[in-house]
Amino acid sequence: MIKEANSPSYTIDKKILKRFNQGQTIFGRMLHDDEADFYRKGMYDNIEKILSKHQHGYSRVEFAKVMGAWAVYNYFHKAFSWKKLTGANNVMNKPILKKHPIVRSVDMSREVKEIAKMYGASLVGITRINHCWIYSHDRNGKPIEIPEEYKFAIVMAVRMDSAAIRTSPTFLACTETGLGYSRMAFCIGCMAEFIRSLGYKAIPMCNDTALSVPMAIDAGLGELGRNGLLITPEYGSCVRLCKVFTNLSLKIDKPIEFGVTEFCKKCKKCAEACEADAIQMEEEQSFKIACPSNNLGILRWAVNHDKCYKFWIENGGDCSNCIAACPFFPASNQHLGKDI
């Protein structure tokens, strides 16, 4: 049963919780942490060896599909621009119009949600920005500061093809992950330009700049699961998250609760499905961390991202076993839940 909540379902220790450094994430440590045993080891380093085994789901053509799927995310850098885009591949001049007045935030919010789904979002929620969830620094050590005029975050979930994810950890599932990220880049790029065309400011982001899962929880899209991912009522964890910060005046959504924590205490199917043994089996959550890529001060089942990423290197691609094993995983690509 889904119900609105007056506060997010997560528990934090405000004395310990600090803004997390993105350099401490797996991909930041892969680049800069020379003490990590995966330092400078890329996910595709062993690809020729993997392809030579001729295993089902790991062919040369299937790997090419993975590379193609990531193309928009990897190369459409302007999707992540903090400023209005320039250098359009279009002969038409863009009109410069006056700022669009916002009469009622609730009406603008409804418009934003409709346009987000038009651009490819499956779910969308709005929350006031909690600066605790903004990274302190980016992967290269540059401080991240969001101007105070940005008050709202539009958080979007892009659903993935459940049949493809069910083949995890093969390259077909990896292709769907790449498509998810490319759809995210498309979605945030379009949403940011929509907002700028109204005369307001927008900062688009995927996994960069701020933590996606807690912001999605704040925006009423779902709850935190044992697998360390957002679990939505509609699609389980079979989604990718992106967001846009803005100074556009919007009406915020309330968090929701539908019993994820209590369910995860007993279920443990994601932990059983994890080939890297990266997900905890303990029944109760704790504030303990499992690796340096965990933030301090959050009550949860901390995932050992070191083990997870090392399996990705061995596999030649990312893994979605924990997503596919979750009972909230959609049986098909049909919308299973209801709009909140």
C-alpha atoms as a PDB file:
ATOM      1  CA  MET A   1       0.000   0.000   0.000  1.00  0.00           C
ATOM      2  CA  ILE A   2       1.493   3.334  -1.083  1.00  0.00           C
ATOM      3  CA  LYS A   3       1.011   6.324   1.172  1.00  0.00           C
ATOM      4  CA  GLU A   4       2.437   9.817   1.400  1.00  0.00           C
ATOM      5  CA  ALA A   5       4.827  10.540   4.261  1.00  0.00           C
ATOM      6  CA  ASN A   6       5.664  13.768   6.039  1.00  0.00           C
ATOM      7  CA  SER A   7       9.380  12.982   5.926  1.00  0.00           C
ATOM      8  CA  PRO A   8      11.716  10.761   3.880  1.00  0.00           C
ATOM      9  CA  SER A   9      11.898   7.097   4.893  1.00  0.00           C
ATOM     10  CA  TYR A  10      15.674   7.102   5.411  1.00  0.00           C
ATOM     11  CA  THR A  11      17.391   7.727   8.752  1.00  0.00           C
ATOM     12  CA  ILE A  12      20.536   9.844   9.038  1.00  0.00           C
ATOM     13  CA  ASP A  13      22.874  10.844  11.851  1.00  0.00           C
ATOM     14  CA  LYS A  14      23.253  14.599  11.396  1.00  0.00           C
ATOM     15  CA  LYS A  15      26.337  14.621  13.619  1.00  0.00           C
ATOM     16  CA  ILE A  16      28.179  12.299  11.239  1.00  0.00           C
ATOM     17  CA  LEU A  17      26.642  12.893   7.815  1.00  0.00           C
ATOM     18  CA  LYS A  18      28.625  15.241   5.597  1.00  0.00           C
ATOM     19  CA  ARG A  19      28.531  16.109   1.941  1.00  0.00           C
ATOM     20  CA  PHE A  20      30.149  13.195   0.139  1.00  0.00           C
ATOM     21  CA  ASN A  21      33.172  13.651  -2.099  1.00  0.00           C
ATOM     22  CA  GLN A  22      32.479  12.219  -5.564  1.00  0.00           C
ATOM     23  CA  GLY A  23      36.173  11.320  -5.688  1.00  0.00           C
ATOM     24  CA  GLN A  24      35.342   8.619  -3.116  1.00  0.00           C
ATOM     25  CA  THR A  25      32.899   6.877  -5.428  1.00  0.00           C
ATOM     26  CA  ILE A  26      34.149   3.797  -7.244  1.00  0.00           C
ATOM     27  CA  PHE A  27      34.898   5.657 -10.463  1.00  0.00           C
ATOM     28  CA  GLY A  28      36.642   8.448  -8.596  1.00  0.00           C
ATOM     29  CA  ARG A  29      38.782   5.962  -6.694  1.00  0.00           C
ATOM     30  CA  MET A  30      39.465   3.996  -9.867  1.00  0.00           C
ATOM     31  CA  LEU A  31      41.072   7.162 -11.245  1.00  0.00           C
ATOM     32  CA  HIS A  32      42.855   8.515  -8.177  1.00  0.00           C
ATOM     33  CA  ASP A  33      43.092   5.993  -5.303  1.00  0.00           C
ATOM     34  CA  ASP A  34      46.400   4.207  -5.835  1.00  0.00           C
ATOM     35  CA  GLU A  35      45.739   2.052  -2.762  1.00  0.00           C
ATOM     36  CA  ALA A  36      42.604   0.502  -4.295  1.00  0.00           C
ATOM     37  CA  ASP A  37      43.237  -2.885  -5.899  1.00  0.00           C
ATOM     38  CA  PHE A  38      41.181  -1.747  -8.901  1.00  0.00           C
ATOM     39  CA  TYR A  39      43.207   1.476  -9.375  1.00  0.00           C
ATOM     40  CA  ARG A  40      43.325   2.392 -13.084  1.00  0.00           C
ATOM     41  CA  LYS A  41      41.522  -0.845 -13.972  1.00  0.00           C
ATOM     42  CA  GLY A  42      38.727  -0.176 -16.448  1.00  0.00           C
ATOM     43  CA  MET A  43      35.621  -2.265 -16.881  1.00  0.00           C
ATOM     44  CA  TYR A  44      36.595  -3.160 -20.454  1.00  0.00           C
ATOM     45  CA  ASP A  45      40.279  -3.955 -19.870  1.00  0.00           C
ATOM     46  CA  ASN A  46      39.715  -7.716 -20.173  1.00  0.00           C
ATOM     47  CA  ILE A  47      37.291  -7.577 -23.062  1.00  0.00           C
ATOM     48  CA  GLU A  48      39.431  -9.431 -25.614  1.00  0.00           C
ATOM     49  CA  LYS A  49      39.940 -12.308 -23.194  1.00  0.00           C
ATOM     50  CA  ILE A  50      36.221 -12.412 -22.434  1.00  0.00           C
ATOM     51  CA  LEU A  51      35.263 -12.395 -26.120  1.00  0.00           C
ATOM     52  CA  SER A  52      37.713 -15.224 -26.847  1.00  0.00           C
ATOM     53  CA  LYS A  53      35.715 -17.577 -24.627  1.00  0.00           C
ATOM     54  CA  HIS A  54      32.729 -17.382 -27.020  1.00  0.00           C
ATOM     55  CA  GLN A  55      30.211 -17.549 -24.184  1.00  0.00           C
ATOM     56  CA  HIS A  56      26.510 -17.043 -24.829  1.00  0.00           C
ATOM     57  CA  GLY A  57      25.640 -13.370 -24.340  1.00  0.00           C
ATOM     58  CA  TYR A  58      29.256 -12.208 -24.710  1.00  0.00           C
ATOM     59  CA  SER A  59      29.831 -12.000 -28.481  1.00  0.00           C
ATOM     60  CA  ARG A  60      31.727  -9.350 -30.420  1.00  0.00           C
ATOM     61  CA  VAL A  61      28.503  -8.011 -31.928  1.00  0.00           C
ATOM     62  CA  GLU A  62      26.808  -7.878 -28.539  1.00  0.00           C
ATOM     63  CA  PHE A  63      29.710  -5.882 -27.131  1.00  0.00           C
ATOM     64  CA  ALA A  64      29.412  -3.434 -30.049  1.00  0.00           C
ATOM     65  CA  LYS A  65      25.758  -2.959 -29.019  1.00  0.00           C
ATOM     66  CA  VAL A  66      26.964  -1.961 -25.552  1.00  0.00           C
ATOM     67  CA  MET A  67      29.315   0.656 -27.004  1.00  0.00           C
ATOM     68  CA  GLY A  68      26.573   2.046 -29.241  1.00  0.00           C
ATOM     69  CA  ALA A  69      24.102   2.253 -26.369  1.00  0.00           C
ATOM     70  CA  TRP A  70      26.408   4.531 -24.366  1.00  0.00           C
ATOM     71  CA  ALA A  71      27.042   6.928 -27.283  1.00  0.00           C
ATOM     72  CA  VAL A  72      24.710   9.771 -26.279  1.00  0.00           C
ATOM     73  CA  TYR A  73      25.722   9.692 -22.616  1.00  0.00           C
ATOM     74  CA  ASN A  74      29.438   9.448 -23.403  1.00  0.00           C
ATOM     75  CA  TYR A  75      29.642  12.075 -26.132  1.00  0.00           C
ATOM     76  CA  PHE A  76      26.729  14.513 -25.779  1.00  0.00           C
ATOM     77  CA  HIS A  77      28.649  16.590 -23.230  1.00  0.00           C
ATOM     78  CA  LYS A  78      26.379  19.607 -23.642  1.00  0.00           C
ATOM     79  CA  ALA A  79      23.583  17.660 -21.958  1.00  0.00           C
ATOM     80  CA  PHE A  80      25.436  18.367 -18.702  1.00  0.00           C
ATOM     81  CA  SER A  81      26.055  22.078 -19.295  1.00  0.00           C
ATOM     82  CA  TRP A  82      25.153  24.512 -16.522  1.00  0.00           C
ATOM     83  CA  LYS A  83      24.626  27.271 -19.105  1.00  0.00           C
ATOM     84  CA  LYS A  84      22.264  27.798 -22.038  1.00  0.00           C
ATOM     85  CA  LEU A  85      23.486  25.799 -25.000  1.00  0.00           C
ATOM     86  CA  THR A  86      25.145  27.434 -27.993  1.00  0.00           C
ATOM     87  CA  GLY A  87      26.500  26.298 -31.366  1.00  0.00           C
ATOM     88  CA  ALA A  88      23.293  24.614 -32.497  1.00  0.00           C
ATOM     89  CA  ASN A  89      23.346  22.336 -35.524  1.00  0.00           C
ATOM     90  CA  ASN A  90      20.498  24.390 -36.951  1.00  0.00           C
ATOM     91  CA  VAL A  91      20.307  27.361 -39.352  1.00  0.00           C
ATOM     92  CA  MET A  92      17.440  29.021 -37.467  1.00  0.00           C
ATOM     93  CA  ASN A  93      18.108  31.896 -35.087  1.00  0.00           C
ATOM     94  CA  LYS A  94      16.664  31.384 -31.616  1.00  0.00           C
ATOM     95  CA  PRO A  95      14.293  34.150 -30.426  1.00  0.00           C
ATOM     96  CA  ILE A  96      15.130  35.986 -27.209  1.00  0.00           C
ATOM     97  CA  LEU A  97      11.925  36.301 -25.225  1.00  0.00           C
ATOM     98  CA  LYS A  98      10.959  37.847 -21.903  1.00  0.00           C
ATOM     99  CA  LYS A  99      10.921  35.653 -18.793  1.00  0.00           C
ATOM    100  CA  HIS A 100       7.697  33.680 -18.566  1.00  0.00           C
ATOM    101  CA  PRO A 101       5.762  34.703 -15.411  1.00  0.00           C
ATOM    102  CA  ILE A 102       4.826  31.899 -13.023  1.00  0.00           C
ATOM    103  CA  VAL A 103       1.354  32.612 -11.682  1.00  0.00           C
ATOM    104  CA  ARG A 104       0.881  29.347  -9.781  1.00  0.00           C
ATOM    105  CA  SER A 105       3.686  26.953  -8.905  1.00  0.00           C
ATOM    106  CA  VAL A 106       1.284  24.018  -8.901  1.00  0.00           C
ATOM    107  CA  ASP A 107       0.398  24.646 -12.553  1.00  0.00           C
ATOM    108  CA  MET A 108       4.046  24.971 -13.555  1.00  0.00           C
ATOM    109  CA  SER A 109       4.856  21.742 -11.718  1.00  0.00           C
ATOM    110  CA  ARG A 110       2.130  19.912 -13.607  1.00  0.00           C
ATOM    111  CA  GLU A 111       3.546  21.279 -16.861  1.00  0.00           C
ATOM    112  CA  VAL A 112       7.088  20.231 -15.927  1.00  0.00           C
ATOM    113  CA  LYS A 113       5.971  16.680 -15.151  1.00  0.00           C
ATOM    114  CA  GLU A 114       4.102  16.367 -18.421  1.00  0.00           C
ATOM    115  CA  ILE A 115       7.056  17.641 -20.451  1.00  0.00           C
ATOM    116  CA  ALA A 116       9.481  15.381 -18.531  1.00  0.00           C
ATOM    117  CA  LYS A 117       7.474  12.344 -19.597  1.00  0.00           C
ATOM    118  CA  MET A 118       7.318  13.679 -23.152  1.00  0.00           C
ATOM    119  CA  TYR A 119      11.147  13.824 -23.130  1.00  0.00           C
ATOM    120  CA  GLY A 120      11.401  10.231 -21.920  1.00  0.00           C
ATOM    121  CA  ALA A 121      11.013  10.158 -18.126  1.00  0.00           C
ATOM    122  CA  SER A 122       8.893   7.313 -16.765  1.00  0.00           C
ATOM    123  CA  LEU A 123       8.512   8.848 -13.306  1.00  0.00           C
ATOM    124  CA  VAL A 124       9.095  12.408 -12.131  1.00  0.00           C
ATOM    125  CA  GLY A 125       8.969  14.115  -8.755  1.00  0.00           C
ATOM    126  CA  ILE A 126       9.942  17.511  -7.402  1.00  0.00           C
ATOM    127  CA  THR A 127      11.753  18.259  -4.161  1.00  0.00           C
ATOM    128  CA  ARG A 128      13.406  21.184  -2.471  1.00  0.00           C
ATOM    129  CA  ILE A 129      17.178  20.791  -2.774  1.00  0.00           C
ATOM    130  CA  ASN A 130      18.794  19.325   0.333  1.00  0.00           C
ATOM    131  CA  HIS A 131      22.427  20.453   0.167  1.00  0.00           C
ATOM    132  CA  CYS A 132      23.490  17.407   2.212  1.00  0.00           C
ATOM    133  CA  TRP A 133      23.063  15.362  -0.968  1.00  0.00           C
ATOM    134  CA  ILE A 134      25.245  17.603  -3.155  1.00  0.00           C
ATOM    135  CA  TYR A 135      28.760  16.249  -3.633  1.00  0.00           C
ATOM    136  CA  SER A 136      31.412  18.334  -1.895  1.00  0.00           C
ATOM    137  CA  HIS A 137      33.856  17.841  -4.806  1.00  0.00           C
ATOM    138  CA  ASP A 138      33.721  16.290  -8.258  1.00  0.00           C
ATOM    139  CA  ARG A 139      35.778  13.241  -9.314  1.00  0.00           C
ATOM    140  CA  ASN A 140      38.790  15.443 -10.084  1.00  0.00           C
ATOM    141  CA  GLY A 141      38.755  17.242  -6.736  1.00  0.00           C
ATOM    142  CA  LYS A 142      37.068  20.477  -7.831  1.00  0.00           C
ATOM    143  CA  PRO A 143      34.684  21.878  -5.169  1.00  0.00           C
ATOM    144  CA  ILE A 144      31.001  21.854  -6.110  1.00  0.00           C
ATOM    145  CA  GLU A 145      28.948  24.854  -5.037  1.00  0.00           C
ATOM    146  CA  ILE A 146      25.338  25.287  -6.075  1.00  0.00           C
ATOM    147  CA  PRO A 147      24.141  28.926  -5.934  1.00  0.00           C
ATOM    148  CA  GLU A 148      21.388  29.523  -3.381  1.00  0.00           C
ATOM    149  CA  GLU A 149      18.978  30.712  -6.081  1.00  0.00           C
ATOM    150  CA  TYR A 150      18.552  27.081  -7.140  1.00  0.00           C
ATOM    151  CA  LYS A 151      15.810  25.885  -4.811  1.00  0.00           C
ATOM    152  CA  PHE A 152      14.192  22.919  -6.566  1.00  0.00           C
ATOM    153  CA  ALA A 153      15.241  19.583  -8.033  1.00  0.00           C
ATOM    154  CA  ILE A 154      13.237  17.861 -10.752  1.00  0.00           C
ATOM    155  CA  VAL A 155      14.071  14.176 -10.260  1.00  0.00           C
ATOM    156  CA  MET A 156      13.319  11.788 -13.102  1.00  0.00           C
ATOM    157  CA  ALA A 157      13.419   8.006 -13.384  1.00  0.00           C
ATOM    158  CA  VAL A 158      13.913   6.396 -16.782  1.00  0.00           C
ATOM    159  CA  ARG A 159      12.705   2.782 -16.805  1.00  0.00           C
ATOM    160  CA  MET A 160      14.750   0.040 -18.418  1.00  0.00           C
ATOM    161  CA  ASP A 161      13.577  -2.929 -20.463  1.00  0.00           C
ATOM    162  CA  SER A 162      12.863  -5.679 -17.928  1.00  0.00           C
ATOM    163  CA  ALA A 163      13.424  -8.537 -20.394  1.00  0.00           C
ATOM    164  CA  ALA A 164      16.916  -7.245 -21.193  1.00  0.00           C
ATOM    165  CA  ILE A 165      17.835  -6.661 -17.537  1.00  0.00           C
ATOM    166  CA  ARG A 166      16.682 -10.197 -16.726  1.00  0.00           C
ATOM    167  CA  THR A 167      19.615 -11.504 -18.842  1.00  0.00           C
ATOM    168  CA  SER A 168      22.147  -9.922 -16.440  1.00  0.00           C
ATOM    169  CA  PRO A 169      25.114 -10.009 -16.319  1.00  0.00           C
ATOM    170  CA  THR A 170      25.367 -10.577 -20.097  1.00  0.00           C
ATOM    171  CA  PHE A 171      26.115  -7.829 -22.630  1.00  0.00           C
ATOM    172  CA  LEU A 172      22.397  -7.570 -23.479  1.00  0.00           C
ATOM    173  CA  ALA A 173      21.709  -6.288 -19.954  1.00  0.00           C
ATOM    174  CA  CYS A 174      24.796  -4.048 -20.198  1.00  0.00           C
ATOM    175  CA  THR A 175      23.369  -2.598 -23.422  1.00  0.00           C
ATOM    176  CA  GLU A 176      20.144  -1.720 -21.631  1.00  0.00           C
ATOM    177  CA  THR A 177      22.136   0.020 -18.899  1.00  0.00           C
ATOM    178  CA  GLY A 178      23.917   2.089 -21.553  1.00  0.00           C
ATOM    179  CA  LEU A 179      20.614   2.937 -23.221  1.00  0.00           C
ATOM    180  CA  GLY A 180      19.268   4.010 -19.843  1.00  0.00           C
ATOM    181  CA  TYR A 181      22.145   6.429 -19.356  1.00  0.00           C
ATOM    182  CA  SER A 182      21.851   7.797 -22.898  1.00  0.00           C
ATOM    183  CA  ARG A 183      18.126   8.334 -22.373  1.00  0.00           C
ATOM    184  CA  MET A 184      18.965  10.135 -19.133  1.00  0.00           C
ATOM    185  CA  ALA A 185      21.341  12.480 -20.970  1.00  0.00           C
ATOM    186  CA  PHE A 186      18.677  13.164 -23.601  1.00  0.00           C
ATOM    187  CA  CYS A 187      16.038  13.773 -20.936  1.00  0.00           C
ATOM    188  CA  ILE A 188      18.045  16.219 -18.807  1.00  0.00           C
ATOM    189  CA  GLY A 189      19.393  18.074 -21.849  1.00  0.00           C
ATOM    190  CA  CYS A 190      15.870  18.652 -23.160  1.00  0.00           C
ATOM    191  CA  MET A 191      14.443  19.549 -19.743  1.00  0.00           C
ATOM    192  CA  ALA A 192      17.208  22.061 -19.024  1.00  0.00           C
ATOM    193  CA  GLU A 193      16.677  23.826 -22.358  1.00  0.00           C
ATOM    194  CA  PHE A 194      12.905  23.875 -21.784  1.00  0.00           C
ATOM    195  CA  ILE A 195      13.465  25.689 -18.486  1.00  0.00           C
ATOM    196  CA  ARG A 196      16.037  28.084 -19.965  1.00  0.00           C
ATOM    197  CA  SER A 197      13.674  28.895 -22.826  1.00  0.00           C
ATOM    198  CA  LEU A 198      11.182  30.122 -20.209  1.00  0.00           C
ATOM    199  CA  GLY A 199      13.844  32.513 -18.913  1.00  0.00           C
ATOM    200  CA  TYR A 200      14.982  30.534 -15.856  1.00  0.00           C
ATOM    201  CA  LYS A 201      18.167  28.671 -14.932  1.00  0.00           C
ATOM    202  CA  ALA A 202      18.825  24.931 -14.944  1.00  0.00           C
ATOM    203  CA  ILE A 203      21.654  22.592 -13.949  1.00  0.00           C
ATOM    204  CA  PRO A 204      21.196  19.124 -15.522  1.00  0.00           C
ATOM    205  CA  MET A 205      22.898  16.049 -14.063  1.00  0.00           C
ATOM    206  CA  CYS A 206      22.861  12.258 -14.064  1.00  0.00           C
ATOM    207  CA  ASN A 207      25.069  10.610 -11.400  1.00  0.00           C
ATOM    208  CA  ASP A 208      27.288  13.692 -11.166  1.00  0.00           C
ATOM    209  CA  THR A 209      26.935  16.771  -8.919  1.00  0.00           C
ATOM    210  CA  ALA A 210      24.525  15.228  -6.385  1.00  0.00           C
ATOM    211  CA  LEU A 211      23.434  11.856  -5.018  1.00  0.00           C
ATOM    212  CA  SER A 212      20.453  10.615  -7.011  1.00  0.00           C
ATOM    213  CA  VAL A 213      18.881   8.031  -4.678  1.00  0.00           C
ATOM    214  CA  PRO A 214      18.198  10.242  -1.623  1.00  0.00           C
ATOM    215  CA  MET A 215      16.938  13.047  -3.859  1.00  0.00           C
ATOM    216  CA  ALA A 216      14.578  10.613  -5.578  1.00  0.00           C
ATOM    217  CA  ILE A 217      13.343   9.507  -2.142  1.00  0.00           C
ATOM    218  CA  ASP A 218      12.810  13.159  -1.172  1.00  0.00           C
ATOM    219  CA  ALA A 219      10.849  13.677  -4.416  1.00  0.00           C
ATOM    220  CA  GLY A 220       8.472  10.804  -3.682  1.00  0.00           C
ATOM    221  CA  LEU A 221       9.672   8.307  -6.278  1.00  0.00           C
ATOM    222  CA  GLY A 222      10.387   5.391  -3.931  1.00  0.00           C
ATOM    223  CA  GLU A 223      12.383   4.029  -1.006  1.00  0.00           C
ATOM    224  CA  LEU A 224      15.908   2.736  -0.397  1.00  0.00           C
ATOM    225  CA  GLY A 225      16.353  -1.010  -0.838  1.00  0.00           C
ATOM    226  CA  ARG A 226      18.793  -3.564   0.539  1.00  0.00           C
ATOM    227  CA  ASN A 227      20.585  -3.404  -2.827  1.00  0.00           C
ATOM    228  CA  GLY A 228      21.503   0.244  -2.206  1.00  0.00           C
ATOM    229  CA  LEU A 229      19.234   1.385  -5.032  1.00  0.00           C
ATOM    230  CA  LEU A 230      15.934   3.198  -5.216  1.00  0.00           C
ATOM    231  CA  ILE A 231      12.958   0.837  -5.259  1.00  0.00           C
ATOM    232  CA  THR A 232       9.898   2.330  -6.946  1.00  0.00           C
ATOM    233  CA  PRO A 233       6.358   0.934  -6.652  1.00  0.00           C
ATOM    234  CA  GLU A 234       6.028   0.895 -10.438  1.00  0.00           C
ATOM    235  CA  TYR A 235       9.323  -0.570 -11.669  1.00  0.00           C
ATOM    236  CA  GLY A 236      11.278  -1.742  -8.635  1.00  0.00           C
ATOM    237  CA  SER A 237      14.938  -0.769  -9.166  1.00  0.00           C
ATOM    238  CA  CYS A 238      14.676  -1.239 -12.943  1.00  0.00           C
ATOM    239  CA  VAL A 239      15.202   2.491 -13.510  1.00  0.00           C
ATOM    240  CA  ARG A 240      18.004   5.002 -14.000  1.00  0.00           C
ATOM    241  CA  LEU A 241      17.882   8.339 -12.176  1.00  0.00           C
ATOM    242  CA  CYS A 242      18.663  11.846 -13.334  1.00  0.00           C
ATOM    243  CA  LYS A 243      17.759  15.307 -12.147  1.00  0.00           C
ATOM    244  CA  VAL A 244      17.710  19.015 -12.996  1.00  0.00           C
ATOM    245  CA  PHE A 245      18.258  21.785 -10.444  1.00  0.00           C
ATOM    246  CA  THR A 246      16.382  25.016 -11.166  1.00  0.00           C
ATOM    247  CA  ASN A 247      15.322  28.417  -9.840  1.00  0.00           C
ATOM    248  CA  LEU A 248      11.923  27.915 -11.481  1.00  0.00           C
ATOM    249  CA  SER A 249       9.251  28.126  -8.768  1.00  0.00           C
ATOM    250  CA  LEU A 250       7.662  24.697  -8.326  1.00  0.00           C
ATOM    251  CA  LYS A 251       5.416  22.774  -5.936  1.00  0.00           C
ATOM    252  CA  ILE A 252       7.249  19.989  -4.137  1.00  0.00           C
ATOM    253  CA  ASP A 253       6.041  16.402  -3.751  1.00  0.00           C
ATOM    254  CA  LYS A 254       5.917  14.444  -0.529  1.00  0.00           C
ATOM    255  CA  PRO A 255       7.982  11.279   0.079  1.00  0.00           C
ATOM    256  CA  ILE A 256       6.147   7.970  -0.038  1.00  0.00           C
ATOM    257  CA  GLU A 257       6.195   4.767   1.981  1.00  0.00           C
ATOM    258  CA  PHE A 258       5.143   1.301   0.876  1.00  0.00           C
ATOM    259  CA  GLY A 259       7.003  -0.988   3.290  1.00  0.00           C
ATOM    260  CA  VAL A 260      10.323  -1.485   1.502  1.00  0.00           C
ATOM    261  CA  THR A 261      12.543  -1.563   4.596  1.00  0.00           C
ATOM    262  CA  GLU A 262      10.454  -4.170   6.421  1.00  0.00           C
ATOM    263  CA  PHE A 263      10.180  -6.226   3.243  1.00  0.00           C
ATOM    264  CA  CYS A 264      13.937  -6.098   2.602  1.00  0.00           C
ATOM    265  CA  LYS A 265      14.675  -7.271   6.146  1.00  0.00           C
ATOM    266  CA  LYS A 266      13.176 -10.666   5.329  1.00  0.00           C
ATOM    267  CA  CYS A 267      13.634 -10.971   1.576  1.00  0.00           C
ATOM    268  CA  LYS A 268      17.410 -10.961   0.855  1.00  0.00           C
ATOM    269  CA  LYS A 269      16.936 -12.187  -2.728  1.00  0.00           C
ATOM    270  CA  CYS A 270      19.190  -9.438  -4.121  1.00  0.00           C
ATOM    271  CA  ALA A 271      21.975 -10.520  -1.752  1.00  0.00           C
ATOM    272  CA  GLU A 272      21.557 -14.134  -2.799  1.00  0.00           C
ATOM    273  CA  ALA A 273      21.713 -13.157  -6.485  1.00  0.00           C
ATOM    274  CA  CYS A 274      24.851 -11.031  -6.118  1.00  0.00           C
ATOM    275  CA  GLU A 275      27.767 -12.959  -7.637  1.00  0.00           C
ATOM    276  CA  ALA A 276      30.229 -10.580  -5.988  1.00  0.00           C
ATOM    277  CA  ASP A 277      28.852 -11.090  -2.456  1.00  0.00           C
ATOM    278  CA  ALA A 278      28.612  -7.297  -2.217  1.00  0.00           C
ATOM    279  CA  ILE A 279      25.152  -7.042  -0.610  1.00  0.00           C
ATOM    280  CA  GLN A 280      24.639  -7.676   3.102  1.00  0.00           C
ATOM    281  CA  MET A 281      22.607 -10.602   4.451  1.00  0.00           C
ATOM    282  CA  GLU A 282      22.047  -9.083   7.910  1.00  0.00           C
ATOM    283  CA  GLU A 283      18.414  -8.581   8.842  1.00  0.00           C
ATOM    284  CA  GLU A 284      18.844  -5.195  10.509  1.00  0.00           C
ATOM    285  CA  GLN A 285      20.276  -2.016   9.004  1.00  0.00           C
ATOM    286  CA  SER A 286      23.196  -0.233  10.643  1.00  0.00           C
ATOM    287  CA  PHE A 287      25.406   2.837  10.320  1.00  0.00           C
ATOM    288  CA  LYS A 288      28.444   0.661   9.482  1.00  0.00           C
ATOM    289  CA  ILE A 289      30.110   1.150   6.114  1.00  0.00           C
ATOM    290  CA  ALA A 290      31.267  -1.716   3.887  1.00  0.00           C
ATOM    291  CA  CYS A 291      33.949   0.107   1.853  1.00  0.00           C
ATOM    292  CA  PRO A 292      35.452   3.604   1.395  1.00  0.00           C
ATOM    293  CA  SER A 293      32.828   4.411  -1.238  1.00  0.00           C
ATOM    294  CA  ASN A 294      30.056   4.429   1.400  1.00  0.00           C
ATOM    295  CA  ASN A 295      29.012   7.731   2.943  1.00  0.00           C
ATOM    296  CA  LEU A 296      29.017   7.937   6.739  1.00  0.00           C
ATOM    297  CA  GLY A 297      25.959   8.737   8.830  1.00  0.00           C
ATOM    298  CA  ILE A 298      23.250   6.836   6.902  1.00  0.00           C
ATOM    299  CA  LEU A 299      21.255   3.916   8.332  1.00  0.00           C
ATOM    300  CA  ARG A 300      21.146   1.232   5.629  1.00  0.00           C
ATOM    301  CA  TRP A 301      22.520  -2.026   4.347  1.00  0.00           C
ATOM    302  CA  ALA A 302      25.792  -0.633   3.015  1.00  0.00           C
ATOM    303  CA  VAL A 303      26.843  -2.224  -0.281  1.00  0.00           C
ATOM    304  CA  ASN A 304      30.482  -3.167  -0.826  1.00  0.00           C
ATOM    305  CA  HIS A 305      31.060  -1.284  -4.071  1.00  0.00           C
ATOM    306  CA  ASP A 306      34.668  -2.510  -4.250  1.00  0.00           C
ATOM    307  CA  LYS A 307      33.480  -6.100  -4.654  1.00  0.00           C
ATOM    308  CA  CYS A 308      30.783  -5.009  -7.068  1.00  0.00           C
ATOM    309  CA  TYR A 309      33.147  -3.119  -9.375  1.00  0.00           C
ATOM    310  CA  LYS A 310      35.764  -5.878  -9.364  1.00  0.00           C
ATOM    311  CA  PHE A 311      33.087  -8.251 -10.630  1.00  0.00           C
ATOM    312  CA  TRP A 312      32.280  -5.754 -13.387  1.00  0.00           C
ATOM    313  CA  ILE A 313      35.930  -5.824 -14.473  1.00  0.00           C
ATOM    314  CA  GLU A 314      35.869  -9.621 -14.491  1.00  0.00           C
ATOM    315  CA  ASN A 315      32.557  -9.619 -16.398  1.00  0.00           C
ATOM    316  CA  GLY A 316      33.576  -7.000 -18.964  1.00  0.00           C
ATOM    317  CA  GLY A 317      30.447  -4.993 -18.199  1.00  0.00           C
ATOM    318  CA  ASP A 318      28.149  -3.873 -15.416  1.00  0.00           C
ATOM    319  CA  CYS A 319      25.819  -6.205 -13.528  1.00  0.00           C
ATOM    320  CA  SER A 320      22.091  -5.899 -12.760  1.00  0.00           C
ATOM    321  CA  ASN A 321      21.523  -9.188 -10.921  1.00  0.00           C
ATOM    322  CA  CYS A 322      20.265  -7.415  -7.799  1.00  0.00           C
ATOM    323  CA  ILE A 323      17.756  -5.428  -9.863  1.00  0.00           C
ATOM    324  CA  ALA A 324      16.400  -8.498 -11.659  1.00  0.00           C
ATOM    325  CA  ALA A 325      16.177 -10.593  -8.466  1.00  0.00           C
ATOM    326  CA  CYS A 326      14.092  -8.073  -6.527  1.00  0.00           C
ATOM    327  CA  PRO A 327      10.417  -9.073  -6.105  1.00  0.00           C
ATOM    328  CA  PHE A 328       9.490  -5.479  -6.992  1.00  0.00           C
ATOM    329  CA  PHE A 329      11.053  -6.082 -10.431  1.00  0.00           C
ATOM    330  CA  PRO A 330       8.332  -5.693 -13.112  1.00  0.00           C
ATOM    331  CA  ALA A 331       7.075  -8.893 -14.700  1.00  0.00           C
ATOM    332  CA  SER A 332       6.871  -7.072 -18.051  1.00  0.00           C
ATOM    333  CA  ASN A 333       7.433  -3.616 -19.454  1.00  0.00           C
ATOM    334  CA  GLN A 334       3.880  -2.605 -18.649  1.00  0.00           C
ATOM    335  CA  HIS A 335       3.266   0.041 -15.999  1.00  0.00           C
ATOM    336  CA  LEU A 336       2.518  -2.005 -12.874  1.00  0.00           C
ATOM    337  CA  GLY A 337       1.864   0.672 -10.276  1.00  0.00           C
ATOM    338  CA  LYS A 338      -0.293   3.737 -10.087  1.00  0.00           C
ATOM    339  CA  ASP A 339       0.505   7.416 -10.368  1.00  0.00           C
ATOM    340  CA  ILE A 340       1.091   9.120  -7.062  1.00  0.00           C
END
